[in-house]
Amino acid sequence: MFSLGIVDKLTPSQLTGGKFIAGTGTIDDKGKVGPIGGINMKLVGARNAGARYFLTPDENCKAAASDTPDGLTLVRVKNIDDAKKSLDSIRSGDTAALPSCSTG
């Protein structure tokens, strides 16, 4: 989210369109999003704070999908470009095709 915050500051429009979107993950110098620990606690914290969407590292999707708080939509991201495309979809309201997480 820190990396996306920098991108947001360097672009003329808001990446989120004012929507409350949370997320987590590491990021390498090629833009690949990596997993983190404690994903389920971060989901609860994000939802309790009011987030409706959570950008979820691909490698954390299975664990996150096993215990997702009601009202929070998990969005699978593999790299920063995935995250930016998903934010475009959320901002425009076209969320039907967002990449999602599953327990399988």
N, C-alpha and C. Protein backbone atom coordinates (compact mmCIF):
# COMPACT_ATOMS: atom_id res chain seq x y z
N MET A 1 0.82 -1.17 0.00
CA MET A 1 0.00 0.00 0.00
C MET A 1 0.88 1.25 0.00
N PHE A 2 2.04 1.17 0.61
CA PHE A 2 2.96 2.30 0.60
C PHE A 2 3.36 2.64 -0.83
N SER A 3 3.68 1.61 -1.62
CA SER A 3 4.06 1.83 -3.02
C SER A 3 2.92 2.45 -3.81
N LEU A 4 1.70 1.98 -3.58
CA LEU A 4 0.55 2.56 -4.26
C LEU A 4 0.30 3.99 -3.82
N GLY A 5 0.60 4.29 -2.58
CA GLY A 5 0.48 5.66 -2.09
C GLY A 5 1.42 6.60 -2.82
N ILE A 6 2.62 6.12 -3.12
CA ILE A 6 3.58 6.93 -3.88
C ILE A 6 3.06 7.14 -5.30
N VAL A 7 2.57 6.07 -5.92
CA VAL A 7 2.00 6.19 -7.27
C VAL A 7 0.85 7.20 -7.26
N ASP A 8 0.01 7.12 -6.24
CA ASP A 8 -1.13 8.02 -6.12
C ASP A 8 -0.67 9.48 -6.07
N LYS A 9 0.38 9.76 -5.32
CA LYS A 9 0.89 11.12 -5.20
C LYS A 9 1.48 11.63 -6.51
N LEU A 10 1.97 10.72 -7.35
CA LEU A 10 2.63 11.11 -8.60
C LEU A 10 1.69 11.15 -9.79
N THR A 11 0.43 10.83 -9.58
CA THR A 11 -0.54 10.85 -10.68
C THR A 11 -1.59 11.93 -10.40
N PRO A 12 -2.19 12.46 -11.47
CA PRO A 12 -3.14 13.56 -11.27
C PRO A 12 -4.47 13.16 -10.64
N SER A 13 -4.88 11.91 -10.77
CA SER A 13 -6.17 11.50 -10.19
C SER A 13 -5.95 10.57 -9.01
N GLN A 14 -6.98 10.42 -8.19
CA GLN A 14 -6.92 9.51 -7.04
C GLN A 14 -7.02 8.06 -7.51
N LEU A 15 -6.12 7.20 -7.06
CA LEU A 15 -6.18 5.78 -7.44
C LEU A 15 -7.44 5.10 -6.92
N THR A 16 -7.91 5.50 -5.76
CA THR A 16 -9.05 4.82 -5.14
C THR A 16 -10.38 5.50 -5.44
N GLY A 17 -10.35 6.66 -5.99
CA GLY A 17 -11.60 7.39 -6.22
C GLY A 17 -12.33 7.71 -4.93
N GLY A 18 -11.59 7.79 -3.83
CA GLY A 18 -12.19 8.11 -2.54
C GLY A 18 -12.76 6.91 -1.80
N LYS A 19 -12.65 5.72 -2.38
CA LYS A 19 -13.16 4.51 -1.73
C LYS A 19 -12.14 4.01 -0.70
N PHE A 20 -12.62 3.36 0.35
CA PHE A 20 -11.75 2.84 1.41
C PHE A 20 -11.27 1.45 1.01
N ILE A 21 -10.02 1.37 0.60
CA ILE A 21 -9.42 0.13 0.14
C ILE A 21 -8.17 -0.14 0.97
N ALA A 22 -8.09 -1.32 1.52
CA ALA A 22 -6.92 -1.71 2.31
C ALA A 22 -6.14 -2.77 1.54
N GLY A 23 -4.99 -3.12 2.06
CA GLY A 23 -4.19 -4.17 1.45
C GLY A 23 -2.88 -4.33 2.18
N THR A 24 -2.11 -5.30 1.73
CA THR A 24 -0.83 -5.57 2.36
C THR A 24 0.05 -6.33 1.38
N GLY A 25 1.26 -6.58 1.79
CA GLY A 25 2.19 -7.36 0.98
C GLY A 25 3.54 -6.68 0.90
N THR A 26 4.52 -7.47 0.54
CA THR A 26 5.84 -6.93 0.25
C THR A 26 5.87 -6.59 -1.23
N ILE A 27 6.87 -5.86 -1.65
CA ILE A 27 7.02 -5.57 -3.08
C ILE A 27 8.51 -5.54 -3.41
N ASP A 28 8.86 -6.18 -4.52
CA ASP A 28 10.27 -6.17 -4.90
C ASP A 28 10.52 -5.11 -5.98
N ASP A 29 11.77 -5.00 -6.42
CA ASP A 29 12.13 -3.95 -7.37
C ASP A 29 11.56 -4.15 -8.77
N LYS A 30 10.97 -5.31 -9.02
CA LYS A 30 10.31 -5.56 -10.30
C LYS A 30 8.79 -5.40 -10.20
N GLY A 31 8.29 -5.05 -9.01
CA GLY A 31 6.87 -4.82 -8.82
C GLY A 31 6.08 -6.05 -8.38
N LYS A 32 6.77 -7.16 -8.09
CA LYS A 32 6.09 -8.38 -7.64
C LYS A 32 5.66 -8.21 -6.18
N VAL A 33 4.39 -8.53 -5.92
CA VAL A 33 3.85 -8.46 -4.56
C VAL A 33 4.06 -9.81 -3.89
N GLY A 34 4.66 -9.79 -2.71
CA GLY A 34 4.94 -11.01 -1.97
C GLY A 34 4.08 -11.14 -0.73
N PRO A 35 4.08 -12.33 -0.13
CA PRO A 35 3.23 -12.62 1.03
C PRO A 35 3.74 -11.97 2.31
N ILE A 36 2.85 -11.90 3.27
CA ILE A 36 3.17 -11.39 4.60
C ILE A 36 2.60 -12.35 5.64
N GLY A 37 2.97 -12.19 6.88
CA GLY A 37 2.41 -12.98 7.97
C GLY A 37 1.22 -12.26 8.59
N GLY A 38 0.38 -13.01 9.28
CA GLY A 38 -0.73 -12.42 10.01
C GLY A 38 -1.85 -11.87 9.15
N ILE A 39 -2.06 -12.44 7.99
CA ILE A 39 -3.05 -11.90 7.05
C ILE A 39 -4.45 -11.82 7.67
N ASN A 40 -4.86 -12.83 8.42
CA ASN A 40 -6.23 -12.84 8.95
C ASN A 40 -6.48 -11.72 9.95
N MET A 41 -5.48 -11.39 10.73
CA MET A 41 -5.61 -10.26 11.67
C MET A 41 -5.70 -8.94 10.91
N LYS A 42 -4.95 -8.83 9.83
CA LYS A 42 -4.99 -7.61 9.03
C LYS A 42 -6.35 -7.44 8.35
N LEU A 43 -6.96 -8.55 7.95
CA LEU A 43 -8.30 -8.49 7.36
C LEU A 43 -9.31 -7.96 8.36
N VAL A 44 -9.26 -8.48 9.57
CA VAL A 44 -10.19 -8.04 10.63
C VAL A 44 -9.99 -6.56 10.91
N GLY A 45 -8.74 -6.15 11.05
CA GLY A 45 -8.45 -4.74 11.32
C GLY A 45 -8.94 -3.84 10.20
N ALA A 46 -8.73 -4.26 8.95
CA ALA A 46 -9.15 -3.46 7.80
C ALA A 46 -10.67 -3.32 7.77
N ARG A 47 -11.37 -4.42 7.99
CA ARG A 47 -12.84 -4.38 7.96
C ARG A 47 -13.38 -3.54 9.11
N ASN A 48 -12.79 -3.71 10.30
CA ASN A 48 -13.23 -2.92 11.46
C ASN A 48 -13.00 -1.43 11.23
N ALA A 49 -11.99 -1.08 10.44
CA ALA A 49 -11.71 0.32 10.14
C ALA A 49 -12.61 0.87 9.03
N GLY A 50 -13.34 -0.03 8.34
CA GLY A 50 -14.28 0.41 7.32
C GLY A 50 -13.95 0.04 5.89
N ALA A 51 -12.86 -0.69 5.68
CA ALA A 51 -12.49 -1.08 4.31
C ALA A 51 -13.54 -2.03 3.72
N ARG A 52 -13.78 -1.88 2.43
CA ARG A 52 -14.70 -2.77 1.71
C ARG A 52 -13.93 -3.74 0.81
N TYR A 53 -12.72 -3.35 0.40
CA TYR A 53 -11.87 -4.17 -0.47
C TYR A 53 -10.50 -4.31 0.18
N PHE A 54 -9.88 -5.47 -0.05
CA PHE A 54 -8.55 -5.72 0.51
C PHE A 54 -7.67 -6.33 -0.57
N LEU A 55 -6.64 -5.59 -0.98
CA LEU A 55 -5.68 -6.08 -1.97
C LEU A 55 -4.81 -7.14 -1.29
N THR A 56 -4.93 -8.38 -1.76
CA THR A 56 -4.36 -9.54 -1.09
C THR A 56 -3.26 -10.17 -1.93
N PRO A 57 -2.05 -10.32 -1.38
CA PRO A 57 -0.99 -11.00 -2.14
C PRO A 57 -1.45 -12.39 -2.57
N ASP A 58 -1.15 -12.75 -3.79
CA ASP A 58 -1.53 -14.04 -4.35
C ASP A 58 -1.21 -15.20 -3.40
N GLU A 59 -0.03 -15.17 -2.83
CA GLU A 59 0.41 -16.27 -1.96
C GLU A 59 -0.30 -16.29 -0.62
N ASN A 60 -1.03 -15.24 -0.27
CA ASN A 60 -1.81 -15.21 0.97
C ASN A 60 -3.29 -15.49 0.73
N CYS A 61 -3.69 -15.64 -0.53
CA CYS A 61 -5.11 -15.75 -0.85
C CYS A 61 -5.81 -16.93 -0.18
N LYS A 62 -5.20 -18.09 -0.22
CA LYS A 62 -5.86 -19.27 0.35
C LYS A 62 -6.15 -19.07 1.84
N ALA A 63 -5.16 -18.61 2.58
CA ALA A 63 -5.35 -18.38 4.02
C ALA A 63 -6.38 -17.27 4.26
N ALA A 64 -6.31 -16.21 3.48
CA ALA A 64 -7.23 -15.09 3.66
C ALA A 64 -8.66 -15.51 3.36
N ALA A 65 -8.85 -16.29 2.31
CA ALA A 65 -10.20 -16.72 1.92
C ALA A 65 -10.82 -17.67 2.92
N SER A 66 -10.00 -18.32 3.73
CA SER A 66 -10.54 -19.28 4.70
C SER A 66 -11.25 -18.59 5.87
N ASP A 67 -11.03 -17.29 6.05
CA ASP A 67 -11.62 -16.60 7.20
C ASP A 67 -11.76 -15.11 6.90
N THR A 68 -12.55 -14.78 5.89
CA THR A 68 -12.73 -13.39 5.48
C THR A 68 -13.90 -12.77 6.24
N PRO A 69 -13.67 -11.61 6.85
CA PRO A 69 -14.78 -10.94 7.55
C PRO A 69 -15.90 -10.56 6.58
N ASP A 70 -17.14 -10.63 7.06
CA ASP A 70 -18.29 -10.23 6.25
C ASP A 70 -18.12 -8.79 5.77
N GLY A 71 -18.48 -8.56 4.52
CA GLY A 71 -18.44 -7.21 3.97
C GLY A 71 -17.11 -6.80 3.38
N LEU A 72 -16.12 -7.71 3.41
CA LEU A 72 -14.80 -7.41 2.86
C LEU A 72 -14.56 -8.28 1.64
N THR A 73 -14.24 -7.66 0.52
CA THR A 73 -13.96 -8.38 -0.71
C THR A 73 -12.45 -8.48 -0.90
N LEU A 74 -11.97 -9.72 -1.03
CA LEU A 74 -10.55 -9.94 -1.27
C LEU A 74 -10.25 -9.80 -2.75
N VAL A 75 -9.20 -9.07 -3.07
CA VAL A 75 -8.78 -8.88 -4.45
C VAL A 75 -7.36 -9.42 -4.58
N ARG A 76 -7.20 -10.45 -5.41
CA ARG A 76 -5.90 -11.10 -5.59
C ARG A 76 -4.98 -10.21 -6.43
N VAL A 77 -3.75 -9.99 -5.92
CA VAL A 77 -2.76 -9.23 -6.68
C VAL A 77 -1.43 -9.99 -6.71
N LYS A 78 -0.83 -10.02 -7.89
CA LYS A 78 0.48 -10.65 -8.06
C LYS A 78 1.58 -9.62 -8.22
N ASN A 79 1.20 -8.43 -8.72
CA ASN A 79 2.19 -7.38 -8.93
C ASN A 79 1.50 -6.01 -8.85
N ILE A 80 2.30 -4.97 -8.91
CA ILE A 80 1.75 -3.62 -8.76
C ILE A 80 0.81 -3.27 -9.91
N ASP A 81 1.06 -3.81 -11.09
CA ASP A 81 0.14 -3.55 -12.21
C ASP A 81 -1.23 -4.16 -11.95
N ASP A 82 -1.27 -5.39 -11.38
CA ASP A 82 -2.56 -5.99 -10.98
C ASP A 82 -3.28 -5.07 -10.00
N ALA A 83 -2.55 -4.55 -9.03
CA ALA A 83 -3.15 -3.68 -8.02
C ALA A 83 -3.73 -2.42 -8.67
N LYS A 84 -2.97 -1.80 -9.56
CA LYS A 84 -3.46 -0.58 -10.22
C LYS A 84 -4.68 -0.87 -11.09
N LYS A 85 -4.69 -1.98 -11.81
CA LYS A 85 -5.86 -2.35 -12.63
C LYS A 85 -7.08 -2.59 -11.75
N SER A 86 -6.87 -3.28 -10.63
CA SER A 86 -7.98 -3.54 -9.71
C SER A 86 -8.51 -2.25 -9.12
N LEU A 87 -7.63 -1.33 -8.79
CA LEU A 87 -8.07 -0.04 -8.27
C LEU A 87 -8.86 0.73 -9.32
N ASP A 88 -8.46 0.64 -10.58
CA ASP A 88 -9.22 1.27 -11.67
C ASP A 88 -10.64 0.71 -11.71
N SER A 89 -10.75 -0.62 -11.60
CA SER A 89 -12.07 -1.27 -11.64
C SER A 89 -12.93 -0.86 -10.45
N ILE A 90 -12.34 -0.84 -9.27
CA ILE A 90 -13.08 -0.45 -8.07
C ILE A 90 -13.53 1.00 -8.18
N ARG A 91 -12.63 1.86 -8.61
CA ARG A 91 -12.94 3.28 -8.74
C ARG A 91 -14.10 3.51 -9.71
N SER A 92 -14.12 2.73 -10.80
CA SER A 92 -15.17 2.91 -11.82
C SER A 92 -16.47 2.18 -11.47
N GLY A 93 -16.42 1.32 -10.45
CA GLY A 93 -17.60 0.55 -10.06
C GLY A 93 -17.78 -0.74 -10.85
N ASP A 94 -16.81 -1.08 -11.66
CA ASP A 94 -16.85 -2.30 -12.48
C ASP A 94 -16.09 -3.41 -11.76
N THR A 95 -16.70 -3.95 -10.71
CA THR A 95 -16.01 -4.90 -9.84
C THR A 95 -16.29 -6.37 -10.14
N ALA A 96 -17.15 -6.65 -11.10
CA ALA A 96 -17.55 -8.04 -11.38
C ALA A 96 -16.37 -8.93 -11.79
N ALA A 97 -15.39 -8.37 -12.47
CA ALA A 97 -14.28 -9.18 -12.97
C ALA A 97 -13.01 -9.06 -12.12
N LEU A 98 -13.12 -8.51 -10.91
CA LEU A 98 -11.95 -8.42 -10.07
C LEU A 98 -11.39 -9.81 -9.78
N PRO A 99 -10.06 -9.98 -9.83
CA PRO A 99 -9.48 -11.28 -9.48
C PRO A 99 -9.70 -11.54 -7.98
N SER A 100 -10.24 -12.68 -7.66
CA SER A 100 -10.59 -12.96 -6.27
C SER A 100 -9.75 -14.09 -5.69
N CYS A 101 -9.86 -14.25 -4.40
CA CYS A 101 -9.17 -15.30 -3.67
C CYS A 101 -10.15 -16.44 -3.38
N SER A 102 -9.65 -17.65 -3.36
CA SER A 102 -10.48 -18.78 -3.00
C SER A 102 -9.69 -19.72 -2.09
N THR A 103 -10.40 -20.59 -1.41
CA THR A 103 -9.75 -21.54 -0.51
C THR A 103 -9.15 -22.73 -1.26
N GLY A 104 -9.45 -22.85 -2.54
CA GLY A 104 -8.99 -23.99 -3.32
C GLY A 104 -7.67 -23.82 -3.99
